[in-house]
Protein backbone atom coordinates (compact mmCIF):
# COMPACT_ATOMS: atom_id res chain seq x y z
CA UNK A 1 174.44 -3.15 76.61
CA UNK A 2 172.25 -0.44 77.68
CA UNK A 3 173.39 2.22 79.91
CA UNK A 4 170.56 1.52 82.54
CA UNK A 5 171.65 -2.19 82.39
CA UNK A 6 175.28 -1.32 82.93
CA UNK A 7 174.34 0.98 85.82
CA UNK A 8 172.44 -1.79 87.53
CA UNK A 9 175.44 -4.07 87.14
CA UNK A 10 177.62 -1.41 88.65
CA UNK A 11 175.22 -1.19 91.67
CA UNK A 12 175.39 -4.86 92.51
CA UNK A 13 178.85 -5.04 94.26
CA UNK A 14 177.73 -2.37 96.56
CA UNK A 15 174.95 -4.47 98.01
CA UNK A 16 176.97 -7.62 98.41
CA UNK A 17 176.52 -9.15 94.84
CA UNK A 18 179.27 -10.31 92.54
CA UNK A 19 179.09 -9.52 88.84
CA UNK A 20 181.01 -11.66 86.39
CA UNK A 21 181.14 -10.32 82.78
CA UNK A 22 180.83 -12.98 80.30
CA UNK A 23 181.16 -11.10 77.15
CA UNK A 24 179.39 -8.12 75.31
CA UNK A 25 175.96 -7.74 76.85
CA UNK A 26 176.34 -10.80 79.02
CA UNK A 27 176.91 -11.13 82.81
CA UNK A 28 176.33 -13.64 85.65
CA UNK A 29 175.24 -12.10 88.90
CA UNK A 30 175.72 -14.07 92.20
CA UNK A 31 175.81 -13.40 95.88
CA UNK A 32 179.31 -12.29 96.93
CA UNK A 33 180.98 -14.90 99.02
CA UNK A 34 178.32 -17.40 98.10
CA UNK A 35 178.92 -21.13 97.52
CA UNK A 36 179.72 -20.83 93.70
CA UNK A 37 182.49 -19.58 91.49
CA UNK A 38 181.86 -19.06 87.73
CA UNK A 39 183.93 -20.91 85.15
CA UNK A 40 183.72 -21.01 81.45
CA UNK A 41 182.37 -24.12 79.59
CA UNK A 42 181.63 -23.04 76.08
CA UNK A 43 180.49 -20.18 74.09
CA UNK A 44 177.27 -19.42 75.79
CA UNK A 45 177.27 -21.97 78.75
CA UNK A 46 179.03 -21.32 82.03
CA UNK A 47 179.30 -23.59 85.09
CA UNK A 48 178.80 -22.41 88.65
CA UNK A 49 181.33 -24.77 90.64
CA UNK A 50 180.77 -25.18 94.41
CA UNK A 51 183.37 -23.78 96.76
CA UNK A 52 184.19 -23.74 100.47
CA UNK A 53 181.82 -25.57 102.77
CA UNK A 54 179.30 -26.37 99.89
CA UNK A 55 182.14 -28.15 98.01
CA UNK A 56 183.50 -30.00 101.08
CA UNK A 57 180.09 -31.29 102.18
CA UNK A 58 178.86 -32.20 98.86
CA UNK A 59 175.75 -30.30 99.52
CA UNK A 60 175.91 -28.46 96.18
CA UNK A 61 176.74 -29.64 92.69
CA UNK A 62 177.99 -28.08 89.52
CA UNK A 63 175.27 -26.12 87.85
CA UNK A 64 175.37 -25.32 84.09
CA UNK A 65 173.84 -22.02 83.05
CA UNK A 66 172.97 -21.33 79.42
CA UNK A 67 172.46 -17.75 78.71
CA UNK A 68 169.16 -16.82 77.12
CA UNK A 69 168.00 -13.75 75.20
CA UNK A 70 168.09 -11.71 78.33
CA UNK A 71 171.84 -11.81 78.49
CA UNK A 72 171.98 -12.13 82.24
CA UNK A 73 171.19 -14.64 84.93
CA UNK A 74 170.56 -13.68 88.52
CA UNK A 75 171.70 -16.52 91.06
CA UNK A 76 170.60 -16.42 94.68
CA UNK A 77 171.72 -19.35 96.84
CA UNK A 78 169.35 -20.19 99.87
CA UNK A 79 171.59 -18.38 102.33
CA UNK A 80 171.09 -15.16 100.35
CA UNK A 81 167.35 -15.03 101.33
CA UNK A 82 168.40 -13.65 104.76
CA UNK A 83 169.75 -10.60 102.83
CA UNK A 84 166.62 -10.02 100.61
CA UNK A 85 165.29 -7.23 102.52
CA UNK A 86 168.58 -5.35 102.70
CA UNK A 87 169.00 -6.01 98.84
CA UNK A 88 165.56 -4.70 98.04
CA UNK A 89 166.08 -1.36 100.24
CA UNK A 90 169.55 -0.80 98.60
CA UNK A 91 168.03 -1.38 95.15
CA UNK A 92 165.28 1.14 95.98
CA UNK A 93 167.78 3.79 97.19
CA UNK A 94 169.71 3.49 93.90
CA UNK A 95 166.54 3.70 91.82
CA UNK A 96 165.38 6.85 93.83
CA UNK A 97 168.77 8.64 93.19
CA UNK A 98 168.43 7.76 89.44
CA UNK A 99 164.87 9.05 89.33
CA UNK A 100 165.75 12.28 91.18
CA UNK A 101 168.71 12.79 88.82
CA UNK A 102 166.32 12.34 85.90
CA UNK A 103 163.73 14.93 87.35
CA UNK A 104 166.66 17.37 88.02
CA UNK A 105 167.70 17.20 84.36
CA UNK A 106 164.01 17.34 83.03
CA UNK A 107 163.12 20.25 85.19
CA UNK A 108 166.52 22.26 84.63
CA UNK A 109 167.19 22.26 88.35
CA UNK A 110 170.38 24.30 89.10
CA UNK A 111 170.39 24.27 92.84
CA UNK A 112 169.59 21.47 95.30
CA UNK A 113 168.80 22.51 98.90
CA UNK A 114 170.10 19.35 100.80
CA UNK A 115 168.43 19.72 104.29
CA UNK A 116 169.46 17.06 106.85
CA UNK A 117 172.73 16.35 104.96
CA UNK A 118 174.41 14.22 107.62
CA UNK A 119 177.81 13.51 106.22
CA UNK A 120 177.06 14.35 102.52
CA UNK A 121 175.83 10.88 101.40
CA UNK A 122 172.91 12.41 99.31
CA UNK A 123 175.02 14.98 97.70
CA UNK A 124 177.63 12.46 96.73
CA UNK A 125 174.96 10.22 95.28
CA UNK A 126 173.65 12.96 93.09
CA UNK A 127 177.14 13.48 91.78
CA UNK A 128 177.55 9.85 90.92
CA UNK A 129 174.35 10.12 89.13
CA UNK A 130 175.50 12.78 87.08
CA UNK A 131 174.11 16.08 88.46
CA UNK A 132 176.73 18.93 88.18
CA UNK A 133 174.78 21.86 89.46
CA UNK A 134 174.95 23.70 92.77
CA UNK A 135 174.19 21.74 95.97
CA UNK A 136 173.63 23.63 99.32
CA UNK A 137 173.75 21.32 102.39
CA UNK A 138 172.58 21.96 105.83
CA UNK A 139 173.66 19.97 108.88
CA UNK A 140 173.57 21.37 112.40
CA UNK A 141 175.61 18.91 114.72
CA UNK A 142 179.30 19.74 115.13
CA UNK A 143 180.89 16.21 114.62
CA UNK A 144 178.83 15.34 111.66
CA UNK A 145 179.18 18.75 110.13
CA UNK A 146 183.14 18.44 110.27
CA UNK A 147 182.72 15.31 108.24
CA UNK A 148 180.39 17.09 105.75
CA UNK A 149 182.66 19.94 105.25
CA UNK A 150 185.55 17.57 104.54
CA UNK A 151 183.45 15.72 101.88
CA UNK A 152 182.61 18.98 100.06
CA UNK A 153 186.00 20.75 100.18
CA UNK A 154 187.10 19.84 96.69
CA UNK A 155 183.73 20.57 95.05
CA UNK A 156 183.34 24.35 94.24
CA UNK A 157 179.62 23.71 93.54
CA UNK A 158 178.71 22.28 96.90
CA UNK A 159 178.17 24.75 99.79
CA UNK A 160 177.69 23.70 103.37
CA UNK A 161 176.05 25.48 106.27
CA UNK A 162 176.18 24.41 109.96
CA UNK A 163 172.65 24.96 111.07
CA UNK A 164 169.14 23.27 111.15
CA UNK A 165 166.23 24.68 109.38
CA UNK A 166 162.79 25.06 110.72
CA UNK A 167 159.61 27.10 111.13
CA UNK A 168 161.28 29.95 113.06
CA UNK A 169 164.70 31.48 113.75
CA UNK A 170 165.77 30.06 117.15
CA UNK A 171 168.11 27.81 118.96
CA UNK A 172 167.20 24.27 120.03
CA UNK A 173 168.63 21.17 121.37
CA UNK A 174 169.04 18.20 119.03
CA UNK A 175 169.32 14.64 120.16
CA UNK A 176 172.78 13.25 119.13
CA UNK A 177 174.33 9.78 119.18
CA UNK A 178 171.60 8.51 116.95
CA UNK A 179 173.97 8.21 113.99
CA UNK A 180 171.95 9.10 110.74
CA UNK A 181 168.82 9.54 112.86
CA UNK A 182 169.68 12.57 115.09
CA UNK A 183 166.49 14.60 115.57
CA UNK A 184 165.12 17.64 117.14
CA UNK A 185 162.19 15.31 118.17
CA UNK A 186 162.09 12.75 120.92
CA UNK A 187 161.75 9.05 119.82
CA UNK A 188 158.37 7.54 119.96
CA UNK A 189 157.58 4.37 121.92
CA UNK A 190 157.56 2.52 118.65
CA UNK A 191 160.84 4.03 117.66
CA UNK A 192 162.61 3.07 121.06
CA UNK A 193 161.35 -0.58 120.49
CA UNK A 194 162.85 -0.66 117.07
CA UNK A 195 166.25 1.14 117.57
CA UNK A 196 168.41 0.65 120.57
CA UNK A 197 170.25 3.82 119.75
CA UNK A 198 167.31 5.90 120.82
CA UNK A 199 168.31 4.87 124.47
CA UNK A 200 171.00 7.44 124.33
CA UNK A 201 170.05 10.99 125.63
CA UNK A 202 172.88 13.20 124.61
CA UNK A 203 171.92 16.65 123.01
CA UNK A 204 173.67 19.56 121.59
CA UNK A 205 172.50 23.04 121.22
CA UNK A 206 172.09 24.16 117.50
CA UNK A 207 171.02 27.14 115.52
CA UNK A 208 167.78 26.86 113.51
CA UNK A 209 167.11 29.09 110.58
CA UNK A 210 164.06 29.66 108.42
CA UNK A 211 164.51 28.33 104.83
CA UNK A 212 163.04 31.66 103.22
CA UNK A 213 165.83 33.49 105.12
CA UNK A 214 168.70 31.54 103.68
CA UNK A 215 167.51 31.29 100.06
CA UNK A 216 168.91 34.52 98.73
CA UNK A 217 172.47 33.61 99.82
CA UNK A 218 172.01 30.07 98.54
CA UNK A 219 170.72 31.17 95.15
CA UNK A 220 173.16 34.05 94.73
CA UNK A 221 174.67 34.30 91.33
CA UNK A 222 172.18 32.06 89.57
CA UNK A 223 170.66 33.93 86.67
CA UNK A 224 167.42 31.85 86.50
CA UNK A 225 167.30 29.88 89.76
CA UNK A 226 165.49 26.57 89.46
CA UNK A 227 165.83 25.07 93.08
CA UNK A 228 164.86 21.59 94.30
CA UNK A 229 164.17 20.96 98.08
CA UNK A 230 165.40 17.64 99.71
CA UNK A 231 164.42 17.14 103.32
CA UNK A 232 165.66 14.28 105.57
CA UNK A 233 165.35 15.77 108.98
CA UNK A 234 164.08 12.59 111.07
CA UNK A 235 160.39 13.72 111.53
CA UNK A 236 160.91 17.59 111.20
CA UNK A 237 160.26 17.90 107.41
CA UNK A 238 157.03 19.81 107.72
CA UNK A 239 158.65 22.25 110.05
CA UNK A 240 161.35 22.84 107.35
CA UNK A 241 158.74 23.10 104.73
CA UNK A 242 156.76 25.68 106.77
CA UNK A 243 159.82 27.79 107.11
CA UNK A 244 159.86 28.38 103.46
CA UNK A 245 156.73 30.54 103.66
CA UNK A 246 155.33 31.83 100.45
CA UNK A 247 158.82 31.23 98.77
CA UNK A 248 158.17 27.44 98.54
CA UNK A 249 156.41 28.55 95.33
CA UNK A 250 159.92 28.97 93.91
CA UNK A 251 160.84 25.44 94.08
CA UNK A 252 160.19 23.27 90.96
CA UNK A 253 160.51 19.98 92.99
CA UNK A 254 161.01 18.42 96.33
CA UNK A 255 161.69 15.33 98.22
CA UNK A 256 160.76 14.36 101.76
CA UNK A 257 161.11 11.26 103.96
CA UNK A 258 157.41 10.44 104.94
CA UNK A 259 156.54 8.07 107.83
CA UNK A 260 154.07 5.18 107.57
CA UNK A 261 155.00 4.20 111.17
CA UNK A 262 156.19 6.97 113.36
CA UNK A 263 159.75 6.81 114.86
CA UNK A 264 159.42 10.26 116.48
CA UNK A 265 156.88 12.02 118.86
CA UNK A 266 154.91 14.61 117.20
CA UNK A 267 156.04 13.83 113.69
CA UNK A 268 153.31 13.92 111.00
CA UNK A 269 152.13 10.70 109.25
CA UNK A 270 152.54 10.15 105.52
CA UNK A 271 149.04 11.28 104.70
CA UNK A 272 149.24 14.52 106.48
CA UNK A 273 152.70 15.34 105.03
CA UNK A 274 151.73 14.47 101.50
CA UNK A 275 148.54 16.55 101.66
CA UNK A 276 150.46 19.55 102.67
CA UNK A 277 152.92 19.06 99.83
CA UNK A 278 150.13 18.58 97.25
CA UNK A 279 148.31 21.56 98.58
CA UNK A 280 151.39 23.63 97.84
CA UNK A 281 151.33 22.59 94.22
CA UNK A 282 153.48 19.39 94.11
CA UNK A 283 152.61 15.96 92.64
CA UNK A 284 154.20 12.62 93.38
CA UNK A 285 156.50 11.25 90.79
CA UNK A 286 157.90 8.45 92.85
CA UNK A 287 157.84 6.61 96.19
CA UNK A 288 160.73 4.53 97.51
CA UNK A 289 160.80 2.40 100.72
CA UNK A 290 163.58 3.38 103.09
CA UNK A 291 163.14 1.00 105.91
CA UNK A 292 160.75 -2.03 106.65
CA UNK A 293 159.89 -4.20 109.49
CA UNK A 294 161.59 -7.37 109.17
CA UNK A 295 158.75 -9.57 110.73
CA UNK A 296 155.81 -8.03 108.90
CA UNK A 297 157.26 -6.46 105.92
CA UNK A 298 155.44 -3.20 106.49
CA UNK A 299 157.28 -0.06 105.10
CA UNK A 300 158.12 2.33 108.02
CA UNK A 301 159.22 5.25 105.74
CA UNK A 302 159.21 6.31 102.18
CA UNK A 303 161.40 8.70 100.20
CA UNK A 304 158.70 10.70 98.39
CA UNK A 305 159.69 12.62 95.31
CA UNK A 306 157.35 15.48 94.06
CA UNK A 307 157.56 17.88 91.21
CA UNK A 308 155.56 20.99 90.34
CA UNK A 309 153.81 20.17 87.08
CA UNK A 310 153.53 23.81 86.10
CA UNK A 311 157.35 24.03 86.17
CA UNK A 312 157.83 21.12 83.83
CA UNK A 313 159.23 22.11 80.34
CA UNK A 314 156.99 22.42 77.38
CA UNK A 315 156.62 19.14 75.34
C-alpha cells in the first residue's frame, strides 16, 4: 500500500467516513453511521449488511462487494449525498496541507510565518504533514491567542506573537465573536447574508505591526533563512503583504486566502490579489477551494499557494 494511499485512508475518519481494512492493500470505505456494516464472506468478497432503520424497514439488502485491482471500494449511501460538499472541502483542505508540506520540503523552507494563526490549526496541520522547521504564528485577539499559546507550549520550534500584521505600525479595532472569521474589516452585505455570526458587533483593540519589522526577530538564529509566508487574515492579506516592503523578496513561497465572492468590505478580489503576488515574483502551484455556496456550487474563497520559481533548487 503506497504512503499516499495510506494517508488518504487515515484522513477519512476525520470527515465522517469509516475505513475497514480487509488485508494488505485492501480496504472498504463507507459513511460512518451509515446503514451498512462490513462482514467477511470469502477471500476477496465482503458483504455490506444493513443495520438500524435500513434493516428494520427492509429498505436495504445485503450487498456483496468483490475487490478489484484497485484494492479499495468507496461506498456512499443516498443519505451521504447531503454531506458531499463538506467531504469535498475537507479533502481539499487535506490535499492543500500535503501540497504545502511538499513545497516546503522541495524549497528547503526553514521558517513558516503563520499570519492569522487563530488557535494553531494551520501549524498543527503542518506538523502532522511532517514539517519540523520553525513556525512563527501571529494572532491578535486575547482569547484566541491564549488558546494558540497553549497549543504551542510544548513545541520549541513554534513561536507565537500576540499582534496582527498590516501595512503600518498602529493600533486598530478588530471584530470579534466571528470565531475563525474575526477581521479588521467589516462584513459585506453578501457576507452578512451568508453568515449570521456577522450580526455580532463586538470589537477589541489590537496592536498591528509591519511584517518587515518582525522578520529579524522571527528569523534570528537561522544561518540560511528560507521563509514561507502563510496569510489567512479574513480579507486583510494584501495589507499584510504590503507590510513586507522590499523584504518580500526574501520569501521563497507564500499562501493566501483569495476571495471570488467578497465576505468583507474593502477586501480585494482574487484577480487583484493574485496579480499583486505574481508581480512580486511568485507563481501559482496550487488552488484549493475553502468554502462554496450550497445552492450554486460557486467557490467563495480559495487557498492559493505560490512559490518563487527562481528560489527552486537546481534540477
